[in-house]
Amino acid sequence: MSGPDAHETTNLLRRVGDQVGDKRLGDRGLLIELEEDEAKRSELQAEAIELLCRRLDRNGARPQEQQPAWTQRKPLELKMGEEPETPDLLAPGLERGTVVALCADTGGAKSFTAQDLVVAVAESRDTWLGKKLDARHGHSVLIDEENPARILRARLRALGLTLESEPYVRCFHRLGVRFGAAGSDWTRWLRSELERQPADVVVIDTGIAATAPEVNDNDAVARLYTDHLRPLAADTGTVILLLLHERKPQEGARIKQTFATMGARAWIQQADTQLMLAKRGKSEEEELEEGGFRLESRFVVATGKLRDGGAEVVEVLRLSSKLREDRALLEAEIVNEGEVDTADERTAEMLEEIAEVLVETAEPMRKRSIAARLGVKPDDRTFTRALEVGIEGGRLNRPKRGTYALGEGEDD
């Protein structure tokens, strides 16, 4: 009373038994065919299939129906009959499922700005840096391999993270994270964290400290993006915000800020979006009557790279902090003061670079010598305008005709 299923099972057991040198598999098949009780026959079939699977695994065999992984590669559905898709934004410049590089020099407020985003998401705020914020999960992940724990706690508290919202920020501090390291499980670990509890943003502070590629190796950096960061962002729908250091240009050379990131250009080329921060002017500090200090610093933020394209927008951010007498941070707020004219901003940046050159030399310099140090032509419009603005505002002076120095002095 054997049905066709039992007969097929018997033939399969015999073939595999011959393949792995175990005739007992064929004997089991014969018992299945001879069994008249249908329930007992089904039980014997299940046991035989389980044994079969164990023998296949032990002998390195694979069922014939299993196909190589490459056969599962499918072309992208282009959807030409549909309307263009709307970007799924956490905030302007931060599209879900993408990797965003946030670049700044030391002291450029990149950690502070990213921590402000973490707090804004956890506190379910509607805006961040003056722009609409659309948090979906209300959870953030902050991986910090840079800042001391005391500084990290103080900043998050000062930026407004409350005790009630603390569980919505998973902060992993100096664990020795090394995404992309051979044989490591850091990517699997983060994927598990995001599957357990989805997050709107993952901040990695910084790329140098928390990833494995040698900083100048373009190929290794590209593999970090293609094998780790991009798949993780796309599969989980989170924004991965990767903080990157900028490098100082070599003497006599100027580097476009878009490519000023420390190390290989692939750090920027492989990112979906690049945001840039830069210090603007000097910080201002005042002593408060009730004790402590008020510190204000300004920064400019701009989009260096956006795959969708778009006009360059440069905005000024004001970071206002209240400090205790022992310099402990009590309160902090980042406010967007609005757009600035890009030509004026380039002039301001050039003036800062001129001032740096004069500080380094500690003596008056001729216009042509300053231009050579900056890698520009003496008649460059922005360079010439920066010198004029410096003289008009008192930042520079001309101690004698054709030379420039810092501060007040006799002007011709």
Protein backbone atom coordinates (compact mmCIF):
# COMPACT_ATOMS: atom_id res chain seq x y z
CA MET A 1 0.00 0.00 0.00
CA SER A 2 2.79 2.37 -0.86
CA GLY A 3 1.86 5.60 -2.62
CA PRO A 4 3.93 7.51 -5.16
CA ASP A 5 5.41 9.79 -2.44
CA ALA A 6 6.77 6.78 -0.58
CA HIS A 7 8.20 5.35 -3.80
CA GLU A 8 9.93 8.63 -4.68
CA THR A 9 11.35 8.81 -1.15
CA THR A 10 12.70 5.28 -1.49
CA ASN A 11 14.45 6.05 -4.79
CA LEU A 12 15.97 9.24 -3.35
CA LEU A 13 17.25 7.38 -0.28
CA ARG A 14 18.82 4.67 -2.46
CA ARG A 15 20.56 7.20 -4.73
CA VAL A 16 21.98 9.16 -1.82
CA GLY A 17 22.93 5.94 -0.03
CA ASP A 18 24.95 4.86 -3.07
CA GLN A 19 26.52 8.34 -3.28
CA VAL A 20 27.70 8.45 0.35
CA GLY A 21 28.31 4.70 0.74
CA ASP A 22 25.53 3.99 3.23
CA LYS A 23 23.21 1.16 2.17
CA ARG A 24 21.12 1.64 5.30
CA LEU A 25 19.43 4.58 3.63
CA GLY A 26 18.12 2.30 0.92
CA ASP A 27 16.92 -0.19 3.54
CA ARG A 28 14.95 2.56 5.24
CA GLY A 29 13.29 3.34 1.92
CA LEU A 30 12.24 -0.28 1.55
CA LEU A 31 10.68 -0.26 5.03
CA ILE A 32 8.66 2.82 4.08
CA GLU A 33 7.27 1.10 0.99
CA LEU A 34 6.36 -2.05 2.91
CA GLU A 35 4.60 -0.20 5.70
CA GLU A 36 0.83 -0.46 5.23
CA ASP A 37 -0.26 1.94 7.98
CA GLU A 38 -0.42 5.40 6.39
CA ALA A 39 0.31 7.32 9.62
CA LYS A 40 3.29 5.09 10.42
CA ARG A 41 4.54 5.40 6.85
CA SER A 42 4.46 9.23 7.08
CA GLU A 43 6.38 9.08 10.35
CA LEU A 44 9.04 6.84 8.79
CA GLN A 45 9.31 9.19 5.80
CA ALA A 46 9.91 12.21 8.09
CA GLU A 47 12.60 10.34 10.03
CA ALA A 48 14.25 9.25 6.79
CA ILE A 49 14.29 12.78 5.38
CA GLU A 50 15.87 14.10 8.59
CA LEU A 51 18.56 11.42 8.43
CA LEU A 52 19.10 12.21 4.78
CA CYS A 53 19.68 15.89 5.52
CA ARG A 54 22.20 15.06 8.26
CA ARG A 55 24.15 12.77 5.92
CA LEU A 56 24.17 15.39 3.17
CA ASP A 57 25.56 18.01 5.55
CA ARG A 58 28.20 15.62 6.95
CA ASN A 59 29.45 14.59 3.52
CA GLY A 60 29.49 18.11 2.04
CA ALA A 61 26.79 17.21 -0.45
CA ARG A 62 24.00 19.54 -1.50
CA PRO A 63 20.52 18.80 -2.80
CA GLN A 64 20.33 19.02 -6.55
CA GLU A 65 17.65 21.72 -6.39
CA GLN A 66 19.93 24.19 -4.52
CA GLN A 67 21.21 26.81 -6.96
CA PRO A 68 24.39 28.91 -6.78
CA ALA A 69 23.97 32.32 -5.19
CA TRP A 70 24.65 34.16 -8.45
CA THR A 71 21.47 32.70 -9.99
CA GLN A 72 19.47 34.87 -7.55
CA ARG A 73 20.79 38.17 -8.94
CA LYS A 74 17.92 40.09 -10.48
CA PRO A 75 17.84 43.34 -12.50
CA LEU A 76 16.36 46.45 -10.89
CA GLU A 77 12.74 47.15 -11.72
CA LEU A 78 12.89 50.58 -13.38
CA LYS A 79 9.16 51.44 -13.06
CA MET A 80 9.05 53.69 -16.11
CA GLY A 81 5.24 53.76 -16.04
CA GLU A 82 5.17 55.35 -12.58
CA GLU A 83 5.76 58.84 -11.18
CA PRO A 84 9.23 59.67 -9.78
CA GLU A 85 9.69 58.54 -6.19
CA THR A 86 9.72 61.14 -3.41
CA PRO A 87 12.92 61.12 -1.33
CA ASP A 88 12.28 59.58 2.08
CA LEU A 89 13.95 62.21 4.24
CA LEU A 90 14.72 62.24 7.93
CA ALA A 91 15.77 65.86 7.39
CA PRO A 92 17.06 67.86 4.40
CA GLY A 93 20.24 66.16 3.20
CA LEU A 94 19.54 63.06 5.31
CA GLU A 95 17.74 60.47 3.19
CA ARG A 96 16.78 57.20 4.82
CA GLY A 97 18.76 54.21 3.63
CA THR A 98 21.85 56.26 2.73
CA VAL A 99 25.31 57.04 4.09
CA VAL A 100 26.00 60.72 4.80
CA ALA A 101 29.51 62.08 5.43
CA LEU A 102 29.67 65.01 7.86
CA CYS A 103 33.07 66.69 7.47
CA ALA A 104 34.81 69.32 9.58
CA ASP A 105 38.22 70.24 10.89
CA THR A 106 39.06 69.75 14.56
CA GLY A 107 36.88 72.17 16.53
CA GLY A 108 34.39 72.36 13.67
CA ALA A 109 31.45 71.14 15.81
CA LYS A 110 30.79 67.94 13.85
CA SER A 111 30.34 65.85 17.02
CA PHE A 112 28.21 68.55 18.66
CA THR A 113 26.00 68.83 15.58
CA ALA A 114 25.54 65.06 15.27
CA GLN A 115 24.77 64.78 18.99
CA ASP A 116 22.14 67.49 18.56
CA LEU A 117 20.48 65.33 15.89
CA VAL A 118 20.55 62.30 18.20
CA VAL A 119 18.80 64.30 20.92
CA ALA A 120 16.27 65.82 18.50
CA VAL A 121 15.24 62.34 17.32
CA ALA A 122 15.01 60.92 20.85
CA GLU A 123 12.98 63.90 22.07
CA SER A 124 10.62 63.67 19.04
CA ARG A 125 11.34 67.25 17.97
CA ASP A 126 9.92 68.62 14.74
CA THR A 127 13.05 70.49 13.63
CA TRP A 128 16.83 70.15 13.56
CA LEU A 129 19.13 73.02 12.60
CA GLY A 130 16.03 74.99 11.69
CA LYS A 131 14.81 72.39 9.16
CA LYS A 132 11.93 69.92 9.28
CA LEU A 133 12.73 66.68 11.11
CA ASP A 134 10.58 63.63 10.39
CA ALA A 135 11.58 60.88 12.83
CA ARG A 136 9.82 57.58 12.24
CA HIS A 137 11.06 55.42 15.11
CA GLY A 138 12.24 58.01 17.63
CA HIS A 139 15.40 55.97 18.30
CA SER A 140 19.06 56.83 17.66
CA VAL A 141 22.31 54.90 17.84
CA LEU A 142 25.49 56.79 18.74
CA ILE A 143 28.82 55.00 18.30
CA ASP A 144 31.49 57.24 19.82
CA GLU A 145 35.13 56.17 19.65
CA GLU A 146 36.42 59.72 20.14
CA ASN A 147 34.98 61.72 23.03
CA PRO A 148 35.52 61.01 26.75
CA ALA A 149 32.42 59.65 28.50
CA ARG A 150 32.15 62.75 30.70
CA ILE A 151 32.06 65.08 27.69
CA LEU A 152 29.55 62.88 25.88
CA ARG A 153 27.14 62.76 28.82
CA ALA A 154 27.46 66.50 29.44
CA ARG A 155 26.72 67.41 25.83
CA LEU A 156 23.68 65.17 25.50
CA ARG A 157 22.31 66.50 28.78
CA ALA A 158 23.02 70.13 27.82
CA LEU A 159 21.38 69.68 24.41
CA GLY A 160 18.17 68.61 26.14
CA LEU A 161 18.18 64.82 26.48
CA THR A 162 15.88 64.01 29.39
CA LEU A 163 15.80 61.05 31.73
CA GLU A 164 12.54 59.94 30.11
CA SER A 165 14.10 59.92 26.62
CA GLU A 166 17.43 58.37 27.61
CA PRO A 167 16.26 54.83 26.63
CA TYR A 168 15.75 56.08 23.06
CA VAL A 169 19.49 56.69 22.62
CA ARG A 170 21.74 53.64 22.46
CA CYS A 171 25.19 55.03 23.08
CA PHE A 172 28.14 52.68 22.55
CA HIS A 173 31.27 54.31 23.88
CA ARG A 174 34.85 53.31 23.06
CA LEU A 175 34.11 49.64 22.47
CA GLY A 176 36.93 49.38 19.95
CA VAL A 177 34.47 49.32 17.05
CA ARG A 178 36.22 48.62 13.72
CA PHE A 179 33.76 48.30 10.87
CA GLY A 180 35.34 46.48 7.93
CA ALA A 181 38.05 44.71 9.95
CA ALA A 182 38.87 41.24 8.59
CA GLY A 183 37.10 38.53 10.55
CA SER A 184 35.27 40.99 12.80
CA ASP A 185 31.57 40.88 13.64
CA TRP A 186 30.95 44.61 14.08
CA THR A 187 28.68 44.93 11.03
CA ARG A 188 26.63 41.90 12.08
CA TRP A 189 26.41 43.33 15.59
CA LEU A 190 25.04 46.68 14.38
CA ARG A 191 22.62 44.96 12.00
CA SER A 192 21.34 42.91 14.94
CA GLU A 193 20.87 46.07 17.01
CA LEU A 194 18.88 47.72 14.21
CA GLU A 195 16.74 44.63 13.63
CA ARG A 196 16.00 44.39 17.35
CA GLN A 197 15.02 48.06 17.48
CA PRO A 198 15.01 50.16 14.27
CA ALA A 199 16.61 53.60 14.53
CA ASP A 200 16.24 56.77 12.48
CA VAL A 201 19.95 57.56 12.57
CA VAL A 202 23.24 55.86 13.37
CA VAL A 203 26.09 58.27 14.15
CA ILE A 204 29.63 56.92 13.77
CA ASP A 205 32.16 59.20 15.46
CA THR A 206 34.54 59.07 13.64
CA GLY A 207 35.39 57.29 10.41
CA ILE A 208 39.07 57.22 11.33
CA ALA A 209 38.49 55.82 14.82
CA ALA A 210 35.62 53.38 14.22
CA THR A 211 36.48 51.78 10.85
CA ALA A 212 39.31 49.52 9.74
CA PRO A 213 40.55 50.78 6.33
CA GLU A 214 43.90 52.52 6.18
CA VAL A 215 42.90 56.18 5.87
CA ASN A 216 44.64 56.75 2.49
CA ASP A 217 43.62 53.46 0.81
CA ASN A 218 40.90 54.29 -1.74
CA ASP A 219 40.13 50.64 -2.51
CA ALA A 220 39.77 49.67 1.15
CA VAL A 221 37.57 52.69 1.87
CA ALA A 222 35.38 51.88 -1.14
CA ARG A 223 34.93 48.31 0.13
CA LEU A 224 33.94 49.67 3.54
CA TYR A 225 31.06 51.49 1.87
CA THR A 226 30.03 48.77 -0.62
CA ASP A 227 30.36 45.76 1.72
CA HIS A 228 29.34 47.26 5.06
CA LEU A 229 27.88 50.75 5.37
CA ARG A 230 25.69 50.99 2.26
CA PRO A 231 24.03 47.55 2.59
CA LEU A 232 23.42 48.19 6.28
CA ALA A 233 21.77 51.56 5.61
CA ALA A 234 19.70 50.28 2.68
CA ASP A 235 18.50 47.10 4.40
CA THR A 236 17.49 48.81 7.64
CA GLY A 237 16.26 52.14 6.24
CA THR A 238 18.39 54.15 8.65
CA VAL A 239 20.59 57.17 7.98
CA ILE A 240 24.24 56.39 8.72
CA LEU A 241 25.95 59.66 9.60
CA LEU A 242 29.71 59.15 9.31
CA LEU A 243 31.82 61.89 10.90
CA LEU A 244 35.09 62.65 9.10
CA HIS A 245 38.07 64.87 9.90
CA GLU A 246 39.39 67.44 7.45
CA ARG A 247 43.10 67.93 6.90
CA LYS A 248 45.12 71.10 6.82
CA PRO A 249 46.41 71.91 3.31
CA GLN A 250 50.14 71.78 2.73
CA GLU A 251 52.02 75.03 2.62
CA GLY A 252 51.53 76.79 -0.69
CA ALA A 253 48.51 74.68 -1.68
CA ARG A 254 44.77 75.20 -1.41
CA ILE A 255 42.30 72.33 -1.45
CA LYS A 256 38.64 72.63 -2.33
CA GLN A 257 36.77 71.91 0.91
CA THR A 258 34.72 69.20 -0.81
CA PHE A 259 37.92 67.14 -1.11
CA ALA A 260 39.61 68.34 2.09
CA THR A 261 38.72 65.22 4.07
CA MET A 262 41.68 63.54 5.72
CA GLY A 263 42.80 60.51 3.72
CA ALA A 264 41.50 58.93 0.54
CA ARG A 265 39.00 60.73 -1.68
CA ALA A 266 36.79 57.65 -1.56
CA TRP A 267 35.59 58.79 1.88
CA ILE A 268 33.58 61.44 0.02
CA GLN A 269 33.18 59.85 -3.39
CA GLN A 270 31.43 56.78 -1.98
CA ALA A 271 29.10 58.71 0.34
CA ASP A 272 25.58 59.49 -0.87
CA THR A 273 25.68 62.99 0.62
CA GLN A 274 28.39 65.22 2.04
CA LEU A 275 27.70 67.92 4.62
CA MET A 276 30.50 70.34 5.54
CA LEU A 277 31.01 72.39 8.68
CA ALA A 278 33.60 75.14 9.24
CA LYS A 279 34.33 77.52 12.09
CA ARG A 280 33.39 81.14 11.34
CA GLY A 281 35.32 83.83 13.16
CA LYS A 282 36.39 83.71 16.78
CA SER A 283 34.33 82.41 19.69
CA GLU A 284 32.99 85.02 22.12
CA GLU A 285 32.89 84.47 25.86
CA GLU A 286 31.33 86.56 28.62
CA GLU A 287 31.28 86.14 32.38
CA LEU A 288 27.79 85.91 33.86
CA GLU A 289 26.69 87.88 36.93
CA GLU A 290 25.25 84.78 38.55
CA GLY A 291 28.53 82.94 37.97
CA GLY A 292 29.83 80.87 35.12
CA PHE A 293 30.24 81.82 31.48
CA ARG A 294 28.33 82.21 28.24
CA LEU A 295 30.20 81.01 25.14
CA GLU A 296 29.08 81.65 21.56
CA SER A 297 30.63 80.21 18.42
CA ARG A 298 29.49 80.35 14.83
CA PHE A 299 29.90 77.83 12.05
CA VAL A 300 28.89 77.59 8.43
CA VAL A 301 27.19 74.46 7.12
CA ALA A 302 26.98 73.59 3.44
CA THR A 303 26.17 70.63 1.24
CA GLY A 304 29.29 69.54 -0.63
CA LYS A 305 27.72 66.60 -2.43
CA LEU A 306 24.12 65.61 -3.11
CA ARG A 307 23.38 62.88 -5.66
CA ASP A 308 20.16 64.67 -6.64
CA GLY A 309 22.12 67.84 -7.32
CA GLY A 310 20.83 71.28 -6.35
CA ALA A 311 22.04 74.82 -5.78
CA GLU A 312 24.69 75.40 -3.13
CA VAL A 313 23.20 76.66 0.12
CA VAL A 314 25.46 78.00 2.87
CA GLU A 315 23.97 78.71 6.29
CA VAL A 316 25.29 80.04 9.59
CA LEU A 317 24.84 78.04 12.80
CA ARG A 318 25.24 79.63 16.23
CA LEU A 319 26.31 77.34 19.06
CA SER A 320 25.47 78.98 22.37
CA SER A 321 26.68 77.31 25.58
CA LYS A 322 26.37 78.03 29.28
CA LEU A 323 29.29 76.88 31.42
CA ARG A 324 29.67 76.52 35.19
CA GLU A 325 32.57 78.18 37.02
CA ASP A 326 34.60 74.98 36.63
CA ARG A 327 33.84 74.99 32.86
CA ALA A 328 31.37 72.10 33.12
CA LEU A 329 28.77 72.35 30.35
CA LEU A 330 25.25 73.12 31.62
CA GLU A 331 23.24 74.17 28.57
CA ALA A 332 23.79 74.16 24.80
CA GLU A 333 21.72 75.18 21.82
CA ILE A 334 22.42 75.21 18.08
CA VAL A 335 20.42 77.80 16.13
CA ASN A 336 20.28 78.28 12.36
CA GLU A 337 20.78 82.00 11.67
CA GLY A 338 19.94 81.66 7.98
CA GLU A 339 21.64 81.68 4.60
CA VAL A 340 24.70 83.70 3.69
CA ASP A 341 25.78 84.91 0.29
CA THR A 342 28.24 82.31 -1.06
CA ALA A 343 30.52 85.01 -2.49
CA ASP A 344 30.68 86.75 0.89
CA GLU A 345 31.29 83.41 2.58
CA ARG A 346 34.22 82.61 0.28
CA THR A 347 35.64 86.04 1.04
CA ALA A 348 35.31 85.39 4.78
CA GLU A 349 37.00 82.01 4.41
CA MET A 350 39.83 83.57 2.41
CA LEU A 351 40.31 86.25 5.07
CA GLU A 352 40.62 83.54 7.74
CA GLU A 353 43.28 81.79 5.63
CA ILE A 354 45.17 85.05 5.15
CA ALA A 355 45.08 85.64 8.91
CA GLU A 356 46.43 82.13 9.54
CA VAL A 357 49.35 82.75 7.20
CA LEU A 358 50.18 86.04 8.96
CA VAL A 359 49.99 84.36 12.37
CA GLU A 360 52.37 81.62 11.21
CA THR A 361 54.95 84.08 9.81
CA ALA A 362 54.55 86.59 12.68
CA GLU A 363 55.72 89.42 10.44
CA PRO A 364 54.28 91.66 7.71
CA MET A 365 54.10 90.07 4.25
CA ARG A 366 53.76 91.35 0.73
CA LYS A 367 50.58 90.61 -1.17
CA ARG A 368 52.37 88.38 -3.69
CA SER A 369 53.97 86.31 -0.90
CA ILE A 370 50.63 85.76 0.86
CA ALA A 371 49.04 84.69 -2.43
CA ALA A 372 51.84 82.22 -3.06
CA ARG A 373 51.38 80.68 0.40
CA LEU A 374 47.66 80.22 -0.32
CA GLY A 375 48.18 78.91 -3.84
CA VAL A 376 46.19 81.68 -5.55
CA LYS A 377 47.06 84.40 -8.03
CA PRO A 378 47.71 87.89 -6.57
CA ASP A 379 44.90 89.32 -8.71
CA ASP A 380 42.37 86.63 -7.73
CA ARG A 381 39.07 88.44 -7.12
CA THR A 382 38.20 86.66 -3.87
CA PHE A 383 41.74 87.10 -2.53
CA THR A 384 41.79 90.82 -3.37
CA ARG A 385 38.33 91.34 -1.86
CA ALA A 386 39.37 89.51 1.34
CA LEU A 387 42.33 91.87 1.77
CA GLU A 388 40.02 94.86 1.32
CA VAL A 389 37.48 93.52 3.82
CA GLY A 390 40.29 92.81 6.29
CA ILE A 391 41.55 96.40 6.07
CA GLU A 392 38.04 97.90 6.27
CA GLY A 393 37.11 95.83 9.31
CA GLY A 394 40.41 96.32 11.14
CA ARG A 395 41.37 92.65 10.96
CA LEU A 396 44.40 93.58 8.81
CA ASN A 397 46.53 96.65 8.43
CA ARG A 398 49.23 97.89 6.05
CA PRO A 399 52.32 98.89 8.08
CA LYS A 400 53.87 100.13 4.85
CA ARG A 401 52.85 100.24 1.23
CA GLY A 402 52.35 96.81 -0.32
CA THR A 403 52.62 94.83 2.92
CA TYR A 404 49.97 93.38 5.23
CA ALA A 405 49.93 92.45 8.91
CA LEU A 406 47.42 91.53 11.58
CA GLY A 407 45.70 94.05 13.86
CA GLU A 408 45.85 97.79 14.10
CA GLY A 409 48.60 99.86 12.53
CA GLU A 410 49.36 102.77 10.30
CA ASP A 411 47.48 102.59 7.04
CA ASP A 412 48.46 104.43 3.90
